[in-house]
Amino acid sequence: MNNKKLKFVIGSLVIIVAVIVLAIQGMKEDTTMSYSKSVSEVQMLGSRAYALTLKVNGDLKKGSIVRNNLDLDFVITEGNSELSIHYIGKDPIPDTFNNDMDAEVIVSGKLQQDGVFNAERIQAKCASKYEADYSSPEI
């Protein structure tokens, strides 16, 4: 075999092996993968949700925030569905996150068998705080 053919064969083999390795890794259950779900979708998953790392979005239930040192407990809702959250992350709590705000919340973590979602990350969106006031015209 001449030098060009040898390089082509080796290059082709490297690509084939890389594709096979990536395919095998994709078939394995990967706990770092995060599935985005609503509160009701998490509840519909039932016990299957325990094995997944999830991102769950819902609305903060007003008055549900309880702070205990670094721990934070609260409830997110979607319609009539509720999910209790226990925040165990190390990131700072967003400024928009308090009992008086209407906020959309996105938490990342795992659902525990007791039905409480252990969140490692938290994001709060408060659209009303950033909406423009169109009631008075600007000059």
N, C-alpha and C. Protein backbone atom coordinates (compact mmCIF):
# COMPACT_ATOMS: atom_id res chain seq x y z
N MET A 1 0.84 -1.18 0.00
CA MET A 1 0.00 0.00 0.00
C MET A 1 0.88 1.24 0.00
N ASN A 2 0.49 2.18 -0.84
CA ASN A 2 1.30 3.40 -0.85
C ASN A 2 0.88 4.32 0.30
N ASN A 3 1.64 5.38 0.50
CA ASN A 3 1.50 6.28 1.65
C ASN A 3 0.12 6.96 1.69
N LYS A 4 -0.43 7.37 0.53
CA LYS A 4 -1.72 8.04 0.48
C LYS A 4 -2.85 7.11 0.89
N LYS A 5 -2.81 5.88 0.39
CA LYS A 5 -3.85 4.91 0.74
C LYS A 5 -3.79 4.56 2.22
N LEU A 6 -2.60 4.42 2.76
CA LEU A 6 -2.43 4.12 4.18
C LEU A 6 -3.01 5.23 5.05
N LYS A 7 -2.74 6.48 4.71
CA LYS A 7 -3.29 7.62 5.45
C LYS A 7 -4.81 7.63 5.37
N PHE A 8 -5.36 7.33 4.19
CA PHE A 8 -6.81 7.31 4.00
C PHE A 8 -7.44 6.22 4.85
N VAL A 9 -6.86 5.03 4.86
CA VAL A 9 -7.39 3.92 5.65
C VAL A 9 -7.33 4.23 7.14
N ILE A 10 -6.21 4.76 7.61
CA ILE A 10 -6.07 5.09 9.03
C ILE A 10 -7.05 6.20 9.42
N GLY A 11 -7.18 7.23 8.58
CA GLY A 11 -8.13 8.31 8.85
C GLY A 11 -9.56 7.81 8.89
N SER A 12 -9.91 6.92 7.97
CA SER A 12 -11.26 6.34 7.93
C SER A 12 -11.53 5.52 9.19
N LEU A 13 -10.53 4.72 9.60
CA LEU A 13 -10.70 3.91 10.81
C LEU A 13 -10.88 4.78 12.06
N VAL A 14 -10.13 5.87 12.15
CA VAL A 14 -10.26 6.78 13.30
C VAL A 14 -11.67 7.37 13.34
N ILE A 15 -12.18 7.78 12.20
CA ILE A 15 -13.54 8.35 12.14
C ILE A 15 -14.58 7.30 12.51
N ILE A 16 -14.45 6.11 12.00
CA ILE A 16 -15.41 5.04 12.29
C ILE A 16 -15.40 4.70 13.79
N VAL A 17 -14.22 4.57 14.37
CA VAL A 17 -14.11 4.27 15.80
C VAL A 17 -14.73 5.40 16.62
N ALA A 18 -14.48 6.65 16.24
CA ALA A 18 -15.04 7.80 16.97
C ALA A 18 -16.56 7.79 16.92
N VAL A 19 -17.13 7.50 15.76
CA VAL A 19 -18.59 7.44 15.62
C VAL A 19 -19.17 6.31 16.48
N ILE A 20 -18.52 5.17 16.49
CA ILE A 20 -18.99 4.03 17.30
C ILE A 20 -18.94 4.38 18.79
N VAL A 21 -17.84 4.99 19.24
CA VAL A 21 -17.71 5.37 20.66
C VAL A 21 -18.81 6.36 21.04
N LEU A 22 -19.04 7.37 20.20
CA LEU A 22 -20.09 8.35 20.49
C LEU A 22 -21.47 7.71 20.50
N ALA A 23 -21.73 6.78 19.62
CA ALA A 23 -23.02 6.09 19.58
C ALA A 23 -23.23 5.28 20.85
N ILE A 24 -22.21 4.59 21.30
CA ILE A 24 -22.32 3.79 22.53
C ILE A 24 -22.56 4.69 23.73
N GLN A 25 -21.83 5.80 23.81
CA GLN A 25 -22.04 6.73 24.92
C GLN A 25 -23.44 7.32 24.90
N GLY A 26 -23.96 7.58 23.73
CA GLY A 26 -25.31 8.13 23.60
C GLY A 26 -26.39 7.16 24.04
N MET A 27 -26.10 5.85 23.93
CA MET A 27 -27.08 4.84 24.31
C MET A 27 -27.10 4.59 25.81
N LYS A 28 -26.01 4.91 26.48
CA LYS A 28 -25.95 4.72 27.93
C LYS A 28 -26.83 5.76 28.61
N GLU A 29 -27.35 5.42 29.80
CA GLU A 29 -28.11 6.39 30.57
C GLU A 29 -27.14 7.41 31.12
N ASP A 30 -27.32 8.64 30.71
CA ASP A 30 -26.40 9.70 31.10
C ASP A 30 -27.07 10.58 32.14
N THR A 31 -26.54 10.58 33.37
CA THR A 31 -27.15 11.37 34.44
C THR A 31 -26.86 12.85 34.30
N THR A 32 -25.93 13.24 33.43
CA THR A 32 -25.67 14.65 33.26
C THR A 32 -26.64 15.30 32.28
N MET A 33 -27.37 14.51 31.55
CA MET A 33 -28.34 15.04 30.62
C MET A 33 -29.55 15.56 31.40
N SER A 34 -30.07 16.68 31.00
CA SER A 34 -31.18 17.29 31.71
C SER A 34 -32.40 17.37 30.80
N TYR A 35 -33.52 16.84 31.26
CA TYR A 35 -34.75 16.86 30.50
C TYR A 35 -35.62 18.00 31.03
N SER A 36 -36.11 18.87 30.16
CA SER A 36 -36.93 20.00 30.57
C SER A 36 -38.39 19.58 30.61
N LYS A 37 -39.01 19.79 31.77
CA LYS A 37 -40.39 19.36 31.98
C LYS A 37 -41.17 20.43 32.73
N SER A 38 -42.48 20.37 32.61
CA SER A 38 -43.36 21.21 33.43
C SER A 38 -43.70 20.42 34.70
N VAL A 39 -44.34 21.08 35.65
CA VAL A 39 -44.69 20.42 36.91
C VAL A 39 -45.58 19.21 36.66
N SER A 40 -46.59 19.36 35.82
CA SER A 40 -47.51 18.24 35.57
C SER A 40 -46.81 17.10 34.82
N GLU A 41 -45.87 17.42 33.95
CA GLU A 41 -45.13 16.37 33.23
C GLU A 41 -44.27 15.56 34.20
N VAL A 42 -43.67 16.22 35.18
CA VAL A 42 -42.86 15.51 36.18
C VAL A 42 -43.75 14.56 36.97
N GLN A 43 -44.94 15.02 37.34
CA GLN A 43 -45.85 14.16 38.10
C GLN A 43 -46.34 12.98 37.27
N MET A 44 -46.52 13.19 35.97
CA MET A 44 -46.95 12.09 35.10
C MET A 44 -45.85 11.04 34.92
N LEU A 45 -44.59 11.44 35.05
CA LEU A 45 -43.48 10.49 34.93
C LEU A 45 -43.49 9.46 36.06
N GLY A 46 -44.01 9.84 37.21
CA GLY A 46 -44.05 8.93 38.35
C GLY A 46 -42.65 8.52 38.77
N SER A 47 -42.47 7.23 39.05
CA SER A 47 -41.19 6.73 39.57
C SER A 47 -40.07 6.79 38.53
N ARG A 48 -40.41 6.92 37.26
CA ARG A 48 -39.37 7.05 36.22
C ARG A 48 -38.56 8.34 36.38
N ALA A 49 -39.15 9.34 37.02
CA ALA A 49 -38.49 10.64 37.19
C ALA A 49 -37.32 10.56 38.17
N TYR A 50 -37.30 9.57 39.06
CA TYR A 50 -36.25 9.48 40.08
C TYR A 50 -34.86 9.29 39.48
N ALA A 51 -34.77 8.66 38.33
CA ALA A 51 -33.48 8.35 37.73
C ALA A 51 -32.97 9.47 36.82
N LEU A 52 -33.79 10.49 36.60
CA LEU A 52 -33.43 11.52 35.63
C LEU A 52 -33.00 12.82 36.30
N THR A 53 -32.06 13.49 35.68
CA THR A 53 -31.75 14.87 36.05
C THR A 53 -32.71 15.73 35.24
N LEU A 54 -33.48 16.56 35.93
CA LEU A 54 -34.54 17.30 35.27
C LEU A 54 -34.38 18.80 35.43
N LYS A 55 -34.93 19.53 34.46
CA LYS A 55 -35.17 20.97 34.58
C LYS A 55 -36.67 21.11 34.63
N VAL A 56 -37.17 21.73 35.69
CA VAL A 56 -38.62 21.87 35.85
C VAL A 56 -38.96 23.35 35.91
N ASN A 57 -39.96 23.74 35.13
CA ASN A 57 -40.39 25.12 35.19
C ASN A 57 -41.83 25.20 35.68
N GLY A 58 -42.09 26.25 36.45
CA GLY A 58 -43.42 26.50 36.97
C GLY A 58 -43.46 27.89 37.58
N ASP A 59 -44.60 28.24 38.14
CA ASP A 59 -44.77 29.54 38.76
C ASP A 59 -44.56 29.41 40.26
N LEU A 60 -43.87 30.38 40.84
CA LEU A 60 -43.66 30.40 42.28
C LEU A 60 -44.99 30.59 42.98
N LYS A 61 -45.27 29.74 43.95
CA LYS A 61 -46.48 29.88 44.76
C LYS A 61 -46.19 30.96 45.81
N LYS A 62 -46.96 32.04 45.75
CA LYS A 62 -46.73 33.15 46.67
C LYS A 62 -46.84 32.68 48.11
N GLY A 63 -45.91 33.15 48.92
CA GLY A 63 -45.92 32.84 50.35
C GLY A 63 -45.33 31.49 50.70
N SER A 64 -44.79 30.76 49.71
CA SER A 64 -44.30 29.41 49.99
C SER A 64 -42.82 29.35 50.34
N ILE A 65 -42.09 30.46 50.21
CA ILE A 65 -40.64 30.44 50.44
C ILE A 65 -40.34 30.40 51.93
N VAL A 66 -39.54 29.40 52.32
CA VAL A 66 -39.07 29.28 53.69
C VAL A 66 -37.55 29.15 53.63
N ARG A 67 -36.85 30.11 54.24
CA ARG A 67 -35.38 30.10 54.26
C ARG A 67 -34.92 29.55 55.61
N ASN A 68 -33.95 28.65 55.56
CA ASN A 68 -33.34 28.10 56.76
C ASN A 68 -31.85 28.06 56.53
N ASN A 69 -31.15 29.12 56.99
CA ASN A 69 -29.72 29.28 56.72
C ASN A 69 -29.47 29.24 55.22
N LEU A 70 -28.76 28.23 54.73
CA LEU A 70 -28.46 28.14 53.31
C LEU A 70 -29.51 27.36 52.53
N ASP A 71 -30.39 26.65 53.24
CA ASP A 71 -31.44 25.87 52.58
C ASP A 71 -32.62 26.78 52.23
N LEU A 72 -33.33 26.40 51.18
CA LEU A 72 -34.48 27.16 50.74
C LEU A 72 -35.55 26.17 50.30
N ASP A 73 -36.73 26.29 50.86
CA ASP A 73 -37.86 25.45 50.48
C ASP A 73 -38.95 26.34 49.90
N PHE A 74 -39.57 25.88 48.82
CA PHE A 74 -40.67 26.63 48.21
C PHE A 74 -41.47 25.69 47.33
N VAL A 75 -42.54 26.20 46.75
CA VAL A 75 -43.44 25.40 45.91
C VAL A 75 -43.58 26.10 44.57
N ILE A 76 -43.53 25.31 43.49
CA ILE A 76 -43.85 25.83 42.16
C ILE A 76 -45.12 25.16 41.68
N THR A 77 -45.88 25.88 40.88
CA THR A 77 -47.17 25.39 40.42
C THR A 77 -47.30 25.49 38.91
N GLU A 78 -48.22 24.72 38.41
CA GLU A 78 -48.66 24.80 37.02
C GLU A 78 -50.12 24.40 37.04
N GLY A 79 -51.00 25.36 36.88
CA GLY A 79 -52.43 25.07 37.02
C GLY A 79 -52.72 24.58 38.42
N ASN A 80 -53.29 23.37 38.54
CA ASN A 80 -53.58 22.79 39.85
C ASN A 80 -52.45 21.90 40.36
N SER A 81 -51.42 21.71 39.57
CA SER A 81 -50.30 20.85 39.97
C SER A 81 -49.28 21.65 40.76
N GLU A 82 -48.77 21.04 41.85
CA GLU A 82 -47.76 21.67 42.68
C GLU A 82 -46.58 20.73 42.88
N LEU A 83 -45.39 21.32 43.04
CA LEU A 83 -44.19 20.55 43.29
C LEU A 83 -43.38 21.25 44.36
N SER A 84 -43.10 20.54 45.45
CA SER A 84 -42.29 21.08 46.53
C SER A 84 -40.82 21.02 46.13
N ILE A 85 -40.10 22.12 46.36
CA ILE A 85 -38.70 22.23 45.98
C ILE A 85 -37.85 22.44 47.23
N HIS A 86 -36.74 21.73 47.30
CA HIS A 86 -35.73 21.96 48.35
C HIS A 86 -34.46 22.33 47.62
N TYR A 87 -34.06 23.60 47.75
CA TYR A 87 -32.88 24.10 47.05
C TYR A 87 -31.65 23.81 47.89
N ILE A 88 -30.73 23.04 47.32
CA ILE A 88 -29.51 22.66 48.04
C ILE A 88 -28.27 23.14 47.30
N GLY A 89 -28.47 24.05 46.37
CA GLY A 89 -27.36 24.53 45.57
C GLY A 89 -26.47 25.51 46.31
N LYS A 90 -25.39 25.85 45.68
CA LYS A 90 -24.43 26.78 46.27
C LYS A 90 -24.47 28.15 45.61
N ASP A 91 -25.24 28.28 44.53
CA ASP A 91 -25.35 29.56 43.84
C ASP A 91 -26.19 30.52 44.66
N PRO A 92 -25.95 31.82 44.53
CA PRO A 92 -26.77 32.79 45.25
C PRO A 92 -28.21 32.78 44.75
N ILE A 93 -29.14 33.07 45.64
CA ILE A 93 -30.55 33.13 45.29
C ILE A 93 -30.79 34.40 44.47
N PRO A 94 -31.53 34.31 43.35
CA PRO A 94 -31.79 35.51 42.55
C PRO A 94 -32.52 36.59 43.36
N ASP A 95 -32.21 37.85 43.06
CA ASP A 95 -32.84 38.97 43.76
C ASP A 95 -34.35 38.99 43.56
N THR A 96 -34.80 38.52 42.41
CA THR A 96 -36.23 38.57 42.10
C THR A 96 -37.01 37.48 42.82
N PHE A 97 -36.34 36.69 43.61
CA PHE A 97 -36.96 35.53 44.23
C PHE A 97 -37.39 35.85 45.66
N ASN A 98 -38.65 36.25 45.83
CA ASN A 98 -39.18 36.49 47.16
C ASN A 98 -40.67 36.17 47.18
N ASN A 99 -41.25 36.15 48.36
CA ASN A 99 -42.64 35.72 48.54
C ASN A 99 -43.67 36.65 47.91
N ASP A 100 -43.29 37.87 47.57
CA ASP A 100 -44.26 38.82 47.04
C ASP A 100 -44.29 38.90 45.53
N MET A 101 -43.36 38.24 44.87
CA MET A 101 -43.23 38.39 43.42
C MET A 101 -44.00 37.31 42.66
N ASP A 102 -44.53 37.72 41.52
CA ASP A 102 -45.03 36.75 40.55
C ASP A 102 -43.83 36.39 39.70
N ALA A 103 -43.33 35.19 39.86
CA ALA A 103 -42.11 34.80 39.15
C ALA A 103 -42.25 33.42 38.55
N GLU A 104 -41.71 33.27 37.35
CA GLU A 104 -41.57 31.96 36.76
C GLU A 104 -40.23 31.41 37.24
N VAL A 105 -40.23 30.16 37.66
CA VAL A 105 -39.04 29.55 38.25
C VAL A 105 -38.63 28.34 37.42
N ILE A 106 -37.33 28.21 37.21
CA ILE A 106 -36.78 27.03 36.56
C ILE A 106 -35.75 26.44 37.52
N VAL A 107 -35.96 25.18 37.90
CA VAL A 107 -35.05 24.50 38.81
C VAL A 107 -34.44 23.29 38.11
N SER A 108 -33.19 22.98 38.44
CA SER A 108 -32.51 21.82 37.89
C SER A 108 -32.08 20.93 39.03
N GLY A 109 -32.34 19.63 38.90
CA GLY A 109 -31.97 18.69 39.94
C GLY A 109 -32.66 17.36 39.76
N LYS A 110 -33.00 16.73 40.90
CA LYS A 110 -33.60 15.39 40.86
C LYS A 110 -34.79 15.30 41.79
N LEU A 111 -35.81 14.59 41.34
CA LEU A 111 -36.97 14.30 42.15
C LEU A 111 -36.65 13.15 43.10
N GLN A 112 -36.96 13.33 44.37
CA GLN A 112 -36.71 12.30 45.37
C GLN A 112 -37.97 11.45 45.56
N GLN A 113 -37.80 10.30 46.17
CA GLN A 113 -38.93 9.38 46.33
C GLN A 113 -40.00 9.91 47.27
N ASP A 114 -39.66 10.89 48.11
CA ASP A 114 -40.66 11.50 48.98
C ASP A 114 -41.48 12.56 48.26
N GLY A 115 -41.20 12.77 46.96
CA GLY A 115 -41.96 13.73 46.16
C GLY A 115 -41.38 15.13 46.16
N VAL A 116 -40.31 15.35 46.91
CA VAL A 116 -39.66 16.66 46.96
C VAL A 116 -38.56 16.69 45.91
N PHE A 117 -38.50 17.80 45.19
CA PHE A 117 -37.49 17.98 44.14
C PHE A 117 -36.28 18.66 44.76
N ASN A 118 -35.12 18.00 44.74
CA ASN A 118 -33.88 18.58 45.25
C ASN A 118 -33.22 19.35 44.11
N ALA A 119 -33.26 20.68 44.21
CA ALA A 119 -32.73 21.54 43.16
C ALA A 119 -31.30 21.94 43.47
N GLU A 120 -30.45 21.84 42.46
CA GLU A 120 -29.07 22.27 42.58
C GLU A 120 -28.86 23.63 41.92
N ARG A 121 -29.75 24.00 41.03
CA ARG A 121 -29.70 25.30 40.36
C ARG A 121 -31.10 25.89 40.35
N ILE A 122 -31.14 27.20 40.38
CA ILE A 122 -32.43 27.89 40.38
C ILE A 122 -32.32 29.16 39.55
N GLN A 123 -33.36 29.41 38.77
CA GLN A 123 -33.47 30.65 38.01
C GLN A 123 -34.87 31.20 38.24
N ALA A 124 -34.96 32.49 38.43
CA ALA A 124 -36.26 33.13 38.59
C ALA A 124 -36.40 34.21 37.53
N LYS A 125 -37.54 34.18 36.86
CA LYS A 125 -37.83 35.21 35.86
C LYS A 125 -39.00 36.02 36.37
N CYS A 126 -38.84 37.32 36.41
CA CYS A 126 -39.91 38.19 36.87
C CYS A 126 -40.19 39.20 35.78
N ALA A 127 -41.06 38.83 34.87
CA ALA A 127 -41.32 39.68 33.71
C ALA A 127 -41.93 41.02 34.12
N SER A 128 -42.79 41.04 35.13
CA SER A 128 -43.46 42.28 35.49
C SER A 128 -42.47 43.34 35.97
N LYS A 129 -41.36 42.94 36.54
CA LYS A 129 -40.36 43.89 37.03
C LYS A 129 -39.67 44.61 35.87
N TYR A 130 -39.59 43.94 34.73
CA TYR A 130 -38.84 44.50 33.62
C TYR A 130 -39.73 44.98 32.46
N GLU A 131 -41.05 44.90 32.62
CA GLU A 131 -41.93 45.34 31.56
C GLU A 131 -41.95 46.86 31.49
N ALA A 132 -42.07 47.38 30.30
CA ALA A 132 -42.16 48.83 30.12
C ALA A 132 -43.56 49.30 30.49
N ASP A 133 -43.65 50.51 30.99
CA ASP A 133 -44.92 51.11 31.34
C ASP A 133 -45.39 51.92 30.13
N TYR A 134 -46.41 51.42 29.45
CA TYR A 134 -46.90 52.08 28.25
C TYR A 134 -48.08 53.00 28.54
N SER A 135 -48.45 53.16 29.80
CA SER A 135 -49.61 53.97 30.14
C SER A 135 -49.34 55.46 29.95
N SER A 136 -48.12 55.92 30.10
CA SER A 136 -47.83 57.33 29.91
C SER A 136 -46.83 57.47 28.76
N PRO A 137 -47.14 58.33 27.79
CA PRO A 137 -46.24 58.48 26.65
C PRO A 137 -44.95 59.19 27.06
N GLU A 138 -43.87 58.77 26.43
CA GLU A 138 -42.58 59.41 26.68
C GLU A 138 -42.45 60.66 25.83
N ILE A 139 -41.77 61.63 26.35
CA ILE A 139 -41.60 62.89 25.63
C ILE A 139 -40.24 62.93 24.98
